[in-house]
Amino acid sequence: MWPFLVSIVVVGVLFLLVFPARTYLGQRRSLAAAEHRVSVLSGENATLDQRVAKLQDQAEIERIAREQYGLVKPGEEAYAILPPPTVPAPEGDAPAAAAKTPHRTWYQRLWHKLT
């Protein structure tokens, strides 16, 4: 009879103390994560508000249009500096071709030469 009463008391303690405590601690963790997310988003919002304030200025709009889109005012000329063209290696030069593909293993190079 005593083991039955002890087990009922233990189950009662679990329902009254342990399970609510676990729920409470889980909610605290969720709340802390949500507060961190809110602080990060508040910082991003502040950054975006500063950007919006900058974009109200005509000089900033002109700077972005020139830098990112290559736009010019009437009467101005735009010049683009292109990278130098790449010169392809001669195809008949086997050592240069082998040097270009160092990532191949020895059996891959052998198979490539056979096929």
PDB file of N, CA and C in Angstrom:
ATOM      1  N   MET A   1       0.801  -1.190   0.000  1.00  0.00           N
ATOM      2  CA  MET A   1       0.000   0.000   0.000  1.00  0.00           C
ATOM      3  C   MET A   1       0.855   1.270   0.000  1.00  0.00           C
ATOM      4  N   TRP A   2       1.980   1.234   0.775  1.00  0.00           N
ATOM      5  CA  TRP A   2       2.857   2.403   0.835  1.00  0.00           C
ATOM      6  C   TRP A   2       3.499   2.722  -0.516  1.00  0.00           C
ATOM      7  N   PRO A   3       3.969   1.752  -1.260  1.00  0.00           N
ATOM      8  CA  PRO A   3       4.555   2.081  -2.571  1.00  0.00           C
ATOM      9  C   PRO A   3       3.540   2.760  -3.494  1.00  0.00           C
ATOM     10  N   PHE A   4       2.298   2.350  -3.395  1.00  0.00           N
ATOM     11  CA  PHE A   4       1.263   2.963  -4.232  1.00  0.00           C
ATOM     12  C   PHE A   4       1.067   4.425  -3.855  1.00  0.00           C
ATOM     13  N   LEU A   5       1.013   4.721  -2.555  1.00  0.00           N
ATOM     14  CA  LEU A   5       0.845   6.106  -2.095  1.00  0.00           C
ATOM     15  C   LEU A   5       2.061   6.961  -2.450  1.00  0.00           C
ATOM     16  N   VAL A   6       3.252   6.380  -2.323  1.00  0.00           N
ATOM     17  CA  VAL A   6       4.480   7.115  -2.678  1.00  0.00           C
ATOM     18  C   VAL A   6       4.486   7.428  -4.171  1.00  0.00           C
ATOM     19  N   SER A   7       4.097   6.470  -4.988  1.00  0.00           N
ATOM     20  CA  SER A   7       4.076   6.724  -6.440  1.00  0.00           C
ATOM     21  C   SER A   7       3.038   7.784  -6.793  1.00  0.00           C
ATOM     22  N   ILE A   8       1.907   7.806  -6.101  1.00  0.00           N
ATOM     23  CA  ILE A   8       0.902   8.843  -6.362  1.00  0.00           C
ATOM     24  C   ILE A   8       1.436  10.208  -5.961  1.00  0.00           C
ATOM     25  N   VAL A   9       2.143  10.286  -4.854  1.00  0.00           N
ATOM     26  CA  VAL A   9       2.736  11.562  -4.413  1.00  0.00           C
ATOM     27  C   VAL A   9       3.799  12.016  -5.409  1.00  0.00           C
ATOM     28  N   VAL A  10       4.623  11.101  -5.880  1.00  0.00           N
ATOM     29  CA  VAL A  10       5.669  11.458  -6.857  1.00  0.00           C
ATOM     30  C   VAL A  10       5.029  11.968  -8.142  1.00  0.00           C
ATOM     31  N   VAL A  11       3.995  11.307  -8.624  1.00  0.00           N
ATOM     32  CA  VAL A  11       3.311  11.757  -9.835  1.00  0.00           C
ATOM     33  C   VAL A  11       2.661  13.119  -9.594  1.00  0.00           C
ATOM     34  N   GLY A  12       2.089  13.320  -8.417  1.00  0.00           N
ATOM     35  CA  GLY A  12       1.498  14.616  -8.086  1.00  0.00           C
ATOM     36  C   GLY A  12       2.527  15.721  -8.071  1.00  0.00           C
ATOM     37  N   VAL A  13       3.708  15.446  -7.495  1.00  0.00           N
ATOM     38  CA  VAL A  13       4.792  16.435  -7.478  1.00  0.00           C
ATOM     39  C   VAL A  13       5.248  16.743  -8.900  1.00  0.00           C
ATOM     40  N   LEU A  14       5.332  15.731  -9.741  1.00  0.00           N
ATOM     41  CA  LEU A  14       5.714  15.958 -11.135  1.00  0.00           C
ATOM     42  C   LEU A  14       4.734  16.893 -11.823  1.00  0.00           C
ATOM     43  N   PHE A  15       3.457  16.629 -11.650  1.00  0.00           N
ATOM     44  CA  PHE A  15       2.452  17.463 -12.311  1.00  0.00           C
ATOM     45  C   PHE A  15       2.394  18.866 -11.728  1.00  0.00           C
ATOM     46  N   LEU A  16       2.659  19.011 -10.433  1.00  0.00           N
ATOM     47  CA  LEU A  16       2.548  20.321  -9.795  1.00  0.00           C
ATOM     48  C   LEU A  16       3.811  21.159  -9.905  1.00  0.00           C
ATOM     49  N   LEU A  17       4.979  20.544  -9.985  1.00  0.00           N
ATOM     50  CA  LEU A  17       6.223  21.314  -9.956  1.00  0.00           C
ATOM     51  C   LEU A  17       7.092  21.158 -11.200  1.00  0.00           C
ATOM     52  N   VAL A  18       7.382  19.941 -11.594  1.00  0.00           N
ATOM     53  CA  VAL A  18       8.381  19.716 -12.643  1.00  0.00           C
ATOM     54  C   VAL A  18       7.861  20.148 -14.011  1.00  0.00           C
ATOM     55  N   PHE A  19       6.699  19.699 -14.409  1.00  0.00           N
ATOM     56  CA  PHE A  19       6.194  20.031 -15.741  1.00  0.00           C
ATOM     57  C   PHE A  19       5.952  21.530 -15.919  1.00  0.00           C
ATOM     58  N   PRO A  20       5.345  22.224 -14.943  1.00  0.00           N
ATOM     59  CA  PRO A  20       5.215  23.679 -15.100  1.00  0.00           C
ATOM     60  C   PRO A  20       6.567  24.387 -15.121  1.00  0.00           C
ATOM     61  N   ALA A  21       7.541  23.883 -14.356  1.00  0.00           N
ATOM     62  CA  ALA A  21       8.875  24.507 -14.356  1.00  0.00           C
ATOM     63  C   ALA A  21       9.539  24.351 -15.712  1.00  0.00           C
ATOM     64  N   ARG A  22       9.392  23.178 -16.328  1.00  0.00           N
ATOM     65  CA  ARG A  22       9.957  22.987 -17.676  1.00  0.00           C
ATOM     66  C   ARG A  22       9.302  23.917 -18.668  1.00  0.00           C
ATOM     67  N   THR A  23       7.988  24.053 -18.582  1.00  0.00           N
ATOM     68  CA  THR A  23       7.269  24.956 -19.486  1.00  0.00           C
ATOM     69  C   THR A  23       7.727  26.396 -19.277  1.00  0.00           C
ATOM     70  N   TYR A  24       7.892  26.793 -18.014  1.00  0.00           N
ATOM     71  CA  TYR A  24       8.325  28.149 -17.689  1.00  0.00           C
ATOM     72  C   TYR A  24       9.722  28.418 -18.251  1.00  0.00           C
ATOM     73  N   LEU A  25      10.637  27.466 -18.057  1.00  0.00           N
ATOM     74  CA  LEU A  25      11.997  27.652 -18.569  1.00  0.00           C
ATOM     75  C   LEU A  25      12.018  27.689 -20.091  1.00  0.00           C
ATOM     76  N   GLY A  26      11.196  26.883 -20.727  1.00  0.00           N
ATOM     77  CA  GLY A  26      11.109  26.921 -22.190  1.00  0.00           C
ATOM     78  C   GLY A  26      10.576  28.249 -22.692  1.00  0.00           C
ATOM     79  N   GLN A  27       9.600  28.793 -21.995  1.00  0.00           N
ATOM     80  CA  GLN A  27       9.054  30.096 -22.382  1.00  0.00           C
ATOM     81  C   GLN A  27      10.084  31.200 -22.171  1.00  0.00           C
ATOM     82  N   ARG A  28      10.894  31.093 -21.119  1.00  0.00           N
ATOM     83  CA  ARG A  28      11.947  32.097 -20.897  1.00  0.00           C
ATOM     84  C   ARG A  28      12.974  32.061 -22.018  1.00  0.00           C
ATOM     85  N   ARG A  29      13.336  30.843 -22.467  1.00  0.00           N
ATOM     86  CA  ARG A  29      14.279  30.731 -23.591  1.00  0.00           C
ATOM     87  C   ARG A  29      13.685  31.331 -24.856  1.00  0.00           C
ATOM     88  N   SER A  30      12.414  31.059 -25.103  1.00  0.00           N
ATOM     89  CA  SER A  30      11.756  31.629 -26.284  1.00  0.00           C
ATOM     90  C   SER A  30      11.696  33.138 -26.201  1.00  0.00           C
ATOM     91  N   LEU A  31      11.411  33.647 -25.012  1.00  0.00           N
ATOM     92  CA  LEU A  31      11.349  35.095 -24.820  1.00  0.00           C
ATOM     93  C   LEU A  31      12.716  35.732 -25.045  1.00  0.00           C
ATOM     94  N   ALA A  32      13.772  35.103 -24.542  1.00  0.00           N
ATOM     95  CA  ALA A  32      15.125  35.641 -24.741  1.00  0.00           C
ATOM     96  C   ALA A  32      15.493  35.640 -26.223  1.00  0.00           C
ATOM     97  N   ALA A  33      15.134  34.577 -26.937  1.00  0.00           N
ATOM     98  CA  ALA A  33      15.428  34.524 -28.375  1.00  0.00           C
ATOM     99  C   ALA A  33      14.642  35.592 -29.124  1.00  0.00           C
ATOM    100  N   ALA A  34      13.376  35.794 -28.738  1.00  0.00           N
ATOM    101  CA  ALA A  34      12.562  36.817 -29.400  1.00  0.00           C
ATOM    102  C   ALA A  34      13.101  38.212 -29.110  1.00  0.00           C
ATOM    103  N   GLU A  35      13.555  38.456 -27.877  1.00  0.00           N
ATOM    104  CA  GLU A  35      14.128  39.767 -27.552  1.00  0.00           C
ATOM    105  C   GLU A  35      15.407  40.020 -28.343  1.00  0.00           C
ATOM    106  N   HIS A  36      16.225  38.991 -28.512  1.00  0.00           N
ATOM    107  CA  HIS A  36      17.449  39.143 -29.310  1.00  0.00           C
ATOM    108  C   HIS A  36      17.098  39.450 -30.761  1.00  0.00           C
ATOM    109  N   ARG A  37      16.103  38.746 -31.290  1.00  0.00           N
ATOM    110  CA  ARG A  37      15.678  38.983 -32.668  1.00  0.00           C
ATOM    111  C   ARG A  37      15.138  40.398 -32.832  1.00  0.00           C
ATOM    112  N   VAL A  38      14.407  40.883 -31.840  1.00  0.00           N
ATOM    113  CA  VAL A  38      13.872  42.246 -31.889  1.00  0.00           C
ATOM    114  C   VAL A  38      15.013  43.257 -31.865  1.00  0.00           C
ATOM    115  N   SER A  39      16.034  43.021 -31.046  1.00  0.00           N
ATOM    116  CA  SER A  39      17.151  43.977 -30.995  1.00  0.00           C
ATOM    117  C   SER A  39      17.917  43.995 -32.316  1.00  0.00           C
ATOM    118  N   VAL A  40      18.104  42.821 -32.926  1.00  0.00           N
ATOM    119  CA  VAL A  40      18.800  42.771 -34.220  1.00  0.00           C
ATOM    120  C   VAL A  40      17.979  43.503 -35.288  1.00  0.00           C
ATOM    121  N   LEU A  41      16.678  43.258 -35.309  1.00  0.00           N
ATOM    122  CA  LEU A  41      15.828  43.904 -36.300  1.00  0.00           C
ATOM    123  C   LEU A  41      15.730  45.410 -36.055  1.00  0.00           C
ATOM    124  N   SER A  42      15.779  45.828 -34.798  1.00  0.00           N
ATOM    125  CA  SER A  42      15.767  47.259 -34.506  1.00  0.00           C
ATOM    126  C   SER A  42      17.023  47.929 -35.049  1.00  0.00           C
ATOM    127  N   GLY A  43      18.162  47.250 -34.914  1.00  0.00           N
ATOM    128  CA  GLY A  43      19.407  47.785 -35.485  1.00  0.00           C
ATOM    129  C   GLY A  43      19.337  47.878 -36.998  1.00  0.00           C
ATOM    130  N   GLU A  44      18.779  46.856 -37.635  1.00  0.00           N
ATOM    131  CA  GLU A  44      18.632  46.892 -39.091  1.00  0.00           C
ATOM    132  C   GLU A  44      17.668  47.996 -39.514  1.00  0.00           C
ATOM    133  N   ASN A  45      16.600  48.185 -38.749  1.00  0.00           N
ATOM    134  CA  ASN A  45      15.658  49.261 -39.058  1.00  0.00           C
ATOM    135  C   ASN A  45      16.321  50.629 -38.938  1.00  0.00           C
ATOM    136  N   ALA A  46      17.165  50.799 -37.925  1.00  0.00           N
ATOM    137  CA  ALA A  46      17.872  52.070 -37.771  1.00  0.00           C
ATOM    138  C   ALA A  46      18.787  52.314 -38.970  1.00  0.00           C
ATOM    139  N   THR A  47      19.485  51.270 -39.416  1.00  0.00           N
ATOM    140  CA  THR A  47      20.352  51.399 -40.590  1.00  0.00           C
ATOM    141  C   THR A  47      19.539  51.766 -41.825  1.00  0.00           C
ATOM    142  N   LEU A  48      18.396  51.108 -42.001  1.00  0.00           N
ATOM    143  CA  LEU A  48      17.550  51.416 -43.163  1.00  0.00           C
ATOM    144  C   LEU A  48      16.956  52.812 -43.073  1.00  0.00           C
ATOM    145  N   ASP A  49      16.626  53.275 -41.868  1.00  0.00           N
ATOM    146  CA  ASP A  49      16.126  54.643 -41.709  1.00  0.00           C
ATOM    147  C   ASP A  49      17.189  55.656 -42.113  1.00  0.00           C
ATOM    148  N   GLN A  50      18.448  55.382 -41.754  1.00  0.00           N
ATOM    149  CA  GLN A  50      19.540  56.275 -42.159  1.00  0.00           C
ATOM    150  C   GLN A  50      19.685  56.283 -43.676  1.00  0.00           C
ATOM    151  N   ARG A  51      19.529  55.118 -44.287  1.00  0.00           N
ATOM    152  CA  ARG A  51      19.646  55.048 -45.745  1.00  0.00           C
ATOM    153  C   ARG A  51      18.509  55.806 -46.418  1.00  0.00           C
ATOM    154  N   VAL A  52      17.305  55.681 -45.862  1.00  0.00           N
ATOM    155  CA  VAL A  52      16.164  56.425 -46.412  1.00  0.00           C
ATOM    156  C   VAL A  52      16.415  57.920 -46.303  1.00  0.00           C
ATOM    157  N   ALA A  53      16.955  58.357 -45.167  1.00  0.00           N
ATOM    158  CA  ALA A  53      17.247  59.787 -44.996  1.00  0.00           C
ATOM    159  C   ALA A  53      18.298  60.249 -45.999  1.00  0.00           C
ATOM    160  N   LYS A  54      19.312  59.395 -46.260  1.00  0.00           N
ATOM    161  CA  LYS A  54      20.333  59.750 -47.257  1.00  0.00           C
ATOM    162  C   LYS A  54      19.729  59.851 -48.656  1.00  0.00           C
ATOM    163  N   LEU A  55      18.785  58.969 -48.966  1.00  0.00           N
ATOM    164  CA  LEU A  55      18.213  58.946 -50.310  1.00  0.00           C
ATOM    165  C   LEU A  55      17.253  60.102 -50.558  1.00  0.00           C
ATOM    166  N   GLN A  56      16.994  60.923 -49.565  1.00  0.00           N
ATOM    167  CA  GLN A  56      16.186  62.117 -49.777  1.00  0.00           C
ATOM    168  C   GLN A  56      17.020  63.247 -50.387  1.00  0.00           C
ATOM    169  N   ASP A  57      18.343  63.104 -50.349  1.00  0.00           N
ATOM    170  CA  ASP A  57      19.259  64.124 -50.860  1.00  0.00           C
ATOM    171  C   ASP A  57      19.531  63.866 -52.345  1.00  0.00           C
ATOM    172  N   GLN A  58      19.411  64.900 -53.165  1.00  0.00           N
ATOM    173  CA  GLN A  58      19.641  64.773 -54.607  1.00  0.00           C
ATOM    174  C   GLN A  58      21.090  64.404 -54.929  1.00  0.00           C
ATOM    175  N   ALA A  59      22.029  64.901 -54.143  1.00  0.00           N
ATOM    176  CA  ALA A  59      23.439  64.587 -54.394  1.00  0.00           C
ATOM    177  C   ALA A  59      23.702  63.091 -54.190  1.00  0.00           C
ATOM    178  N   GLU A  60      23.070  62.491 -53.199  1.00  0.00           N
ATOM    179  CA  GLU A  60      23.245  61.055 -52.961  1.00  0.00           C
ATOM    180  C   GLU A  60      22.626  60.244 -54.099  1.00  0.00           C
ATOM    181  N   ILE A  61      21.476  60.672 -54.576  1.00  0.00           N
ATOM    182  CA  ILE A  61      20.828  59.980 -55.693  1.00  0.00           C
ATOM    183  C   ILE A  61      21.710  60.062 -56.929  1.00  0.00           C
ATOM    184  N   GLU A  62      22.296  61.240 -57.178  1.00  0.00           N
ATOM    185  CA  GLU A  62      23.179  61.397 -58.338  1.00  0.00           C
ATOM    186  C   GLU A  62      24.424  60.526 -58.192  1.00  0.00           C
ATOM    187  N   ARG A  63      24.995  60.460 -56.981  1.00  0.00           N
ATOM    188  CA  ARG A  63      26.179  59.636 -56.755  1.00  0.00           C
ATOM    189  C   ARG A  63      25.883  58.158 -57.045  1.00  0.00           C
ATOM    190  N   ILE A  64      24.757  57.672 -56.567  1.00  0.00           N
ATOM    191  CA  ILE A  64      24.391  56.270 -56.794  1.00  0.00           C
ATOM    192  C   ILE A  64      24.132  56.017 -58.273  1.00  0.00           C
ATOM    193  N   ALA A  65      23.459  56.949 -58.936  1.00  0.00           N
ATOM    194  CA  ALA A  65      23.178  56.786 -60.356  1.00  0.00           C
ATOM    195  C   ALA A  65      24.474  56.737 -61.170  1.00  0.00           C
ATOM    196  N   ARG A  66      25.450  57.527 -60.795  1.00  0.00           N
ATOM    197  CA  ARG A  66      26.723  57.527 -61.516  1.00  0.00           C
ATOM    198  C   ARG A  66      27.529  56.257 -61.221  1.00  0.00           C
ATOM    199  N   GLU A  67      27.614  55.871 -59.945  1.00  0.00           N
ATOM    200  CA  GLU A  67      28.446  54.725 -59.572  1.00  0.00           C
ATOM    201  C   GLU A  67      27.852  53.397 -60.013  1.00  0.00           C
ATOM    202  N   GLN A  68      26.578  53.191 -59.711  1.00  0.00           N
ATOM    203  CA  GLN A  68      25.996  51.877 -59.927  1.00  0.00           C
ATOM    204  C   GLN A  68      25.405  51.689 -61.315  1.00  0.00           C
ATOM    205  N   TYR A  69      24.949  52.752 -61.924  1.00  0.00           N
ATOM    206  CA  TYR A  69      24.251  52.607 -63.204  1.00  0.00           C
ATOM    207  C   TYR A  69      24.972  53.270 -64.364  1.00  0.00           C
ATOM    208  N   GLY A  70      26.080  53.964 -64.108  1.00  0.00           N
ATOM    209  CA  GLY A  70      26.861  54.566 -65.172  1.00  0.00           C
ATOM    210  C   GLY A  70      26.151  55.701 -65.885  1.00  0.00           C
ATOM    211  N   LEU A  71      25.226  56.358 -65.211  1.00  0.00           N
ATOM    212  CA  LEU A  71      24.496  57.458 -65.840  1.00  0.00           C
ATOM    213  C   LEU A  71      25.350  58.720 -65.831  1.00  0.00           C
ATOM    214  N   VAL A  72      25.147  59.561 -66.847  1.00  0.00           N
ATOM    215  CA  VAL A  72      25.872  60.820 -66.957  1.00  0.00           C
ATOM    216  C   VAL A  72      24.874  61.933 -67.234  1.00  0.00           C
ATOM    217  N   LYS A  73      25.307  63.148 -66.961  1.00  0.00           N
ATOM    218  CA  LYS A  73      24.463  64.312 -67.254  1.00  0.00           C
ATOM    219  C   LYS A  73      24.536  64.607 -68.741  1.00  0.00           C
ATOM    220  N   PRO A  74      23.552  65.314 -69.271  1.00  0.00           N
ATOM    221  CA  PRO A  74      23.607  65.692 -70.691  1.00  0.00           C
ATOM    222  C   PRO A  74      24.876  66.502 -70.980  1.00  0.00           C
ATOM    223  N   GLY A  75      25.548  66.134 -72.053  1.00  0.00           N
ATOM    224  CA  GLY A  75      26.778  66.813 -72.444  1.00  0.00           C
ATOM    225  C   GLY A  75      28.032  66.123 -71.933  1.00  0.00           C
ATOM    226  N   GLU A  76      27.920  65.224 -70.971  1.00  0.00           N
ATOM    227  CA  GLU A  76      29.070  64.496 -70.467  1.00  0.00           C
ATOM    228  C   GLU A  76      29.250  63.214 -71.267  1.00  0.00           C
ATOM    229  N   GLU A  77      30.460  62.663 -71.232  1.00  0.00           N
ATOM    230  CA  GLU A  77      30.732  61.393 -71.906  1.00  0.00           C
ATOM    231  C   GLU A  77      31.142  60.364 -70.858  1.00  0.00           C
ATOM    232  N   ALA A  78      30.651  59.156 -71.011  1.00  0.00           N
ATOM    233  CA  ALA A  78      30.998  58.077 -70.085  1.00  0.00           C
ATOM    234  C   ALA A  78      32.047  57.182 -70.728  1.00  0.00           C
ATOM    235  N   TYR A  79      33.024  56.794 -69.948  1.00  0.00           N
ATOM    236  CA  TYR A  79      34.062  55.883 -70.402  1.00  0.00           C
ATOM    237  C   TYR A  79      34.071  54.671 -69.479  1.00  0.00           C
ATOM    238  N   ALA A  80      34.239  53.501 -70.066  1.00  0.00           N
ATOM    239  CA  ALA A  80      34.329  52.268 -69.283  1.00  0.00           C
ATOM    240  C   ALA A  80      35.699  51.659 -69.503  1.00  0.00           C
ATOM    241  N   ILE A  81      36.361  51.286 -68.430  1.00  0.00           N
ATOM    242  CA  ILE A  81      37.664  50.637 -68.522  1.00  0.00           C
ATOM    243  C   ILE A  81      37.424  49.142 -68.433  1.00  0.00           C
ATOM    244  N   LEU A  82      37.735  48.449 -69.518  1.00  0.00           N
ATOM    245  CA  LEU A  82      37.501  47.012 -69.597  1.00  0.00           C
ATOM    246  C   LEU A  82      38.754  46.251 -69.199  1.00  0.00           C
ATOM    247  N   PRO A  83      38.606  45.053 -68.655  1.00  0.00           N
ATOM    248  CA  PRO A  83      39.792  44.250 -68.332  1.00  0.00           C
ATOM    249  C   PRO A  83      40.456  43.778 -69.619  1.00  0.00           C
ATOM    250  N   PRO A  84      41.748  43.498 -69.560  1.00  0.00           N
ATOM    251  CA  PRO A  84      42.440  43.038 -70.769  1.00  0.00           C
ATOM    252  C   PRO A  84      41.897  41.677 -71.197  1.00  0.00           C
ATOM    253  N   PRO A  85      41.872  41.433 -72.501  1.00  0.00           N
ATOM    254  CA  PRO A  85      41.377  40.130 -72.969  1.00  0.00           C
ATOM    255  C   PRO A  85      42.348  39.021 -72.578  1.00  0.00           C
ATOM    256  N   THR A  86      41.803  37.862 -72.314  1.00  0.00           N
ATOM    257  CA  THR A  86      42.656  36.726 -71.965  1.00  0.00           C
ATOM    258  C   THR A  86      43.107  36.035 -73.245  1.00  0.00           C
ATOM    259  N   VAL A  87      44.338  35.601 -73.261  1.00  0.00           N
ATOM    260  CA  VAL A  87      44.907  34.932 -74.417  1.00  0.00           C
ATOM    261  C   VAL A  87      44.821  33.430 -74.171  1.00  0.00           C
ATOM    262  N   PRO A  88      44.129  32.676 -75.043  1.00  0.00           N
ATOM    263  CA  PRO A  88      44.049  31.229 -74.823  1.00  0.00           C
ATOM    264  C   PRO A  88      45.398  30.574 -75.089  1.00  0.00           C
ATOM    265  N   ALA A  89      45.705  29.525 -74.342  1.00  0.00           N
ATOM    266  CA  ALA A  89      46.960  28.792 -74.509  1.00  0.00           C
ATOM    267  C   ALA A  89      46.887  27.981 -75.795  1.00  0.00           C
ATOM    268  N   PRO A  90      48.010  27.787 -76.469  1.00  0.00           N
ATOM    269  CA  PRO A  90      48.008  26.955 -77.669  1.00  0.00           C
ATOM    270  C   PRO A  90      47.599  25.531 -77.326  1.00  0.00           C
ATOM    271  N   GLU A  91      46.786  24.931 -78.188  1.00  0.00           N
ATOM    272  CA  GLU A  91      46.248  23.595 -77.908  1.00  0.00           C
ATOM    273  C   GLU A  91      47.279  22.493 -78.117  1.00  0.00           C
ATOM    274  N   GLY A  92      48.267  22.711 -78.924  1.00  0.00           N
ATOM    275  CA  GLY A  92      49.263  21.683 -79.204  1.00  0.00           C
ATOM    276  C   GLY A  92      50.285  21.546 -78.088  1.00  0.00           C
ATOM    277  N   ASP A  93      50.289  22.426 -77.135  1.00  0.00           N
ATOM    278  CA  ASP A  93      51.271  22.416 -76.066  1.00  0.00           C
ATOM    279  C   ASP A  93      50.770  21.539 -74.924  1.00  0.00           C
ATOM    280  N   ALA A  94      51.197  20.279 -74.862  1.00  0.00           N
ATOM    281  CA  ALA A  94      50.710  19.329 -73.857  1.00  0.00           C
ATOM    282  C   ALA A  94      51.146  19.692 -72.444  1.00  0.00           C
ATOM    283  N   PRO A  95      52.391  20.118 -72.198  1.00  0.00           N
ATOM    284  CA  PRO A  95      52.765  20.465 -70.815  1.00  0.00           C
ATOM    285  C   PRO A  95      51.931  21.619 -70.267  1.00  0.00           C
ATOM    286  N   ALA A  96      51.606  22.590 -71.112  1.00  0.00           N
ATOM    287  CA  ALA A  96      50.790  23.715 -70.645  1.00  0.00           C
ATOM    288  C   ALA A  96      49.387  23.236 -70.314  1.00  0.00           C
ATOM    289  N   ALA A  97      48.853  22.294 -71.109  1.00  0.00           N
ATOM    290  CA  ALA A  97      47.524  21.767 -70.836  1.00  0.00           C
ATOM    291  C   ALA A  97      47.526  20.961 -69.544  1.00  0.00           C
ATOM    292  N   ALA A  98      48.596  20.198 -69.306  1.00  0.00           N
ATOM    293  CA  ALA A  98      48.690  19.425 -68.063  1.00  0.00           C
ATOM    294  C   ALA A  98      48.859  20.357 -66.872  1.00  0.00           C
ATOM    295  N   ALA A  99      49.568  21.465 -67.067  1.00  0.00           N
ATOM    296  CA  ALA A  99      49.751  22.420 -65.980  1.00  0.00           C
ATOM    297  C   ALA A  99      48.455  23.161 -65.670  1.00  0.00           C
ATOM    298  N   LYS A 100      47.587  23.314 -66.680  1.00  0.00           N
ATOM    299  CA  LYS A 100      46.322  24.002 -66.457  1.00  0.00           C
ATOM    300  C   LYS A 100      45.360  23.154 -65.640  1.00  0.00           C
ATOM    301  N   THR A 101      45.504  21.835 -65.652  1.00  0.00           N
ATOM    302  CA  THR A 101      44.576  20.955 -64.949  1.00  0.00           C
ATOM    303  C   THR A 101      45.297  20.172 -63.857  1.00  0.00           C
ATOM    304  N   PRO A 102      45.797  20.823 -62.819  1.00  0.00           N
ATOM    305  CA  PRO A 102      46.503  20.093 -61.768  1.00  0.00           C
ATOM    306  C   PRO A 102      45.548  19.337 -60.842  1.00  0.00           C
ATOM    307  N   HIS A 103      44.250  19.588 -60.944  1.00  0.00           N
ATOM    308  CA  HIS A 103      43.297  18.939 -60.065  1.00  0.00           C
ATOM    309  C   HIS A 103      42.995  17.505 -60.479  1.00  0.00           C
ATOM    310  N   ARG A 104      43.473  17.081 -61.649  1.00  0.00           N
ATOM    311  CA  ARG A 104      43.242  15.705 -62.088  1.00  0.00           C
ATOM    312  C   ARG A 104      44.233  14.777 -61.406  1.00  0.00           C
ATOM    313  N   THR A 105      43.754  13.607 -61.067  1.00  0.00           N
ATOM    314  CA  THR A 105      44.649  12.598 -60.498  1.00  0.00           C
ATOM    315  C   THR A 105      45.394  11.900 -61.637  1.00  0.00           C
ATOM    316  N   TRP A 106      46.359  11.064 -61.284  1.00  0.00           N
ATOM    317  CA  TRP A 106      47.188  10.450 -62.321  1.00  0.00           C
ATOM    318  C   TRP A 106      46.366   9.534 -63.216  1.00  0.00           C
ATOM    319  N   TYR A 107      45.389   8.823 -62.640  1.00  0.00           N
ATOM    320  CA  TYR A 107      44.593   7.922 -63.486  1.00  0.00           C
ATOM    321  C   TYR A 107      43.598   8.705 -64.345  1.00  0.00           C
ATOM    322  N   GLN A 108      43.177   9.877 -63.886  1.00  0.00           N
ATOM    323  CA  GLN A 108      42.327  10.706 -64.748  1.00  0.00           C
ATOM    324  C   GLN A 108      43.116  11.266 -65.929  1.00  0.00           C
ATOM    325  N   ARG A 109      44.361  11.681 -65.663  1.00  0.00           N
ATOM    326  CA  ARG A 109      45.210  12.182 -66.757  1.00  0.00           C
ATOM    327  C   ARG A 109      45.502  11.061 -67.747  1.00  0.00           C
ATOM    328  N   LEU A 110      45.766   9.843 -67.248  1.00  0.00           N
ATOM    329  CA  LEU A 110      46.009   8.705 -68.126  1.00  0.00           C
ATOM    330  C   LEU A 110      44.806   8.407 -68.975  1.00  0.00           C
ATOM    331  N   TRP A 111      43.634   8.374 -68.372  1.00  0.00           N
ATOM    332  CA  TRP A 111      42.389   8.116 -69.109  1.00  0.00           C
ATOM    333  C   TRP A 111      42.150   9.208 -70.154  1.00  0.00           C
ATOM    334  N   HIS A 112      42.454  10.475 -69.778  1.00  0.00           N
ATOM    335  CA  HIS A 112      42.280  11.586 -70.710  1.00  0.00           C
ATOM    336  C   HIS A 112      43.217  11.440 -71.919  1.00  0.00           C
ATOM    337  N   LYS A 113      44.427  10.984 -71.691  1.00  0.00           N
ATOM    338  CA  LYS A 113      45.373  10.811 -72.791  1.00  0.00           C
ATOM    339  C   LYS A 113      44.971   9.642 -73.686  1.00  0.00           C
ATOM    340  N   LEU A 114      44.385   8.598 -73.085  1.00  0.00           N
ATOM    341  CA  LEU A 114      43.977   7.441 -73.875  1.00  0.00           C
ATOM    342  C   LEU A 114      42.718   7.722 -74.699  1.00  0.00           C
ATOM    343  N   THR A 115      41.879   8.589 -74.201  1.00  0.00           N
ATOM    344  CA  THR A 115      40.628   8.853 -74.943  1.00  0.00           C
ATOM    345  C   THR A 115      40.766  10.098 -75.686  1.00  0.00           C
TER     346      THR A 115
END
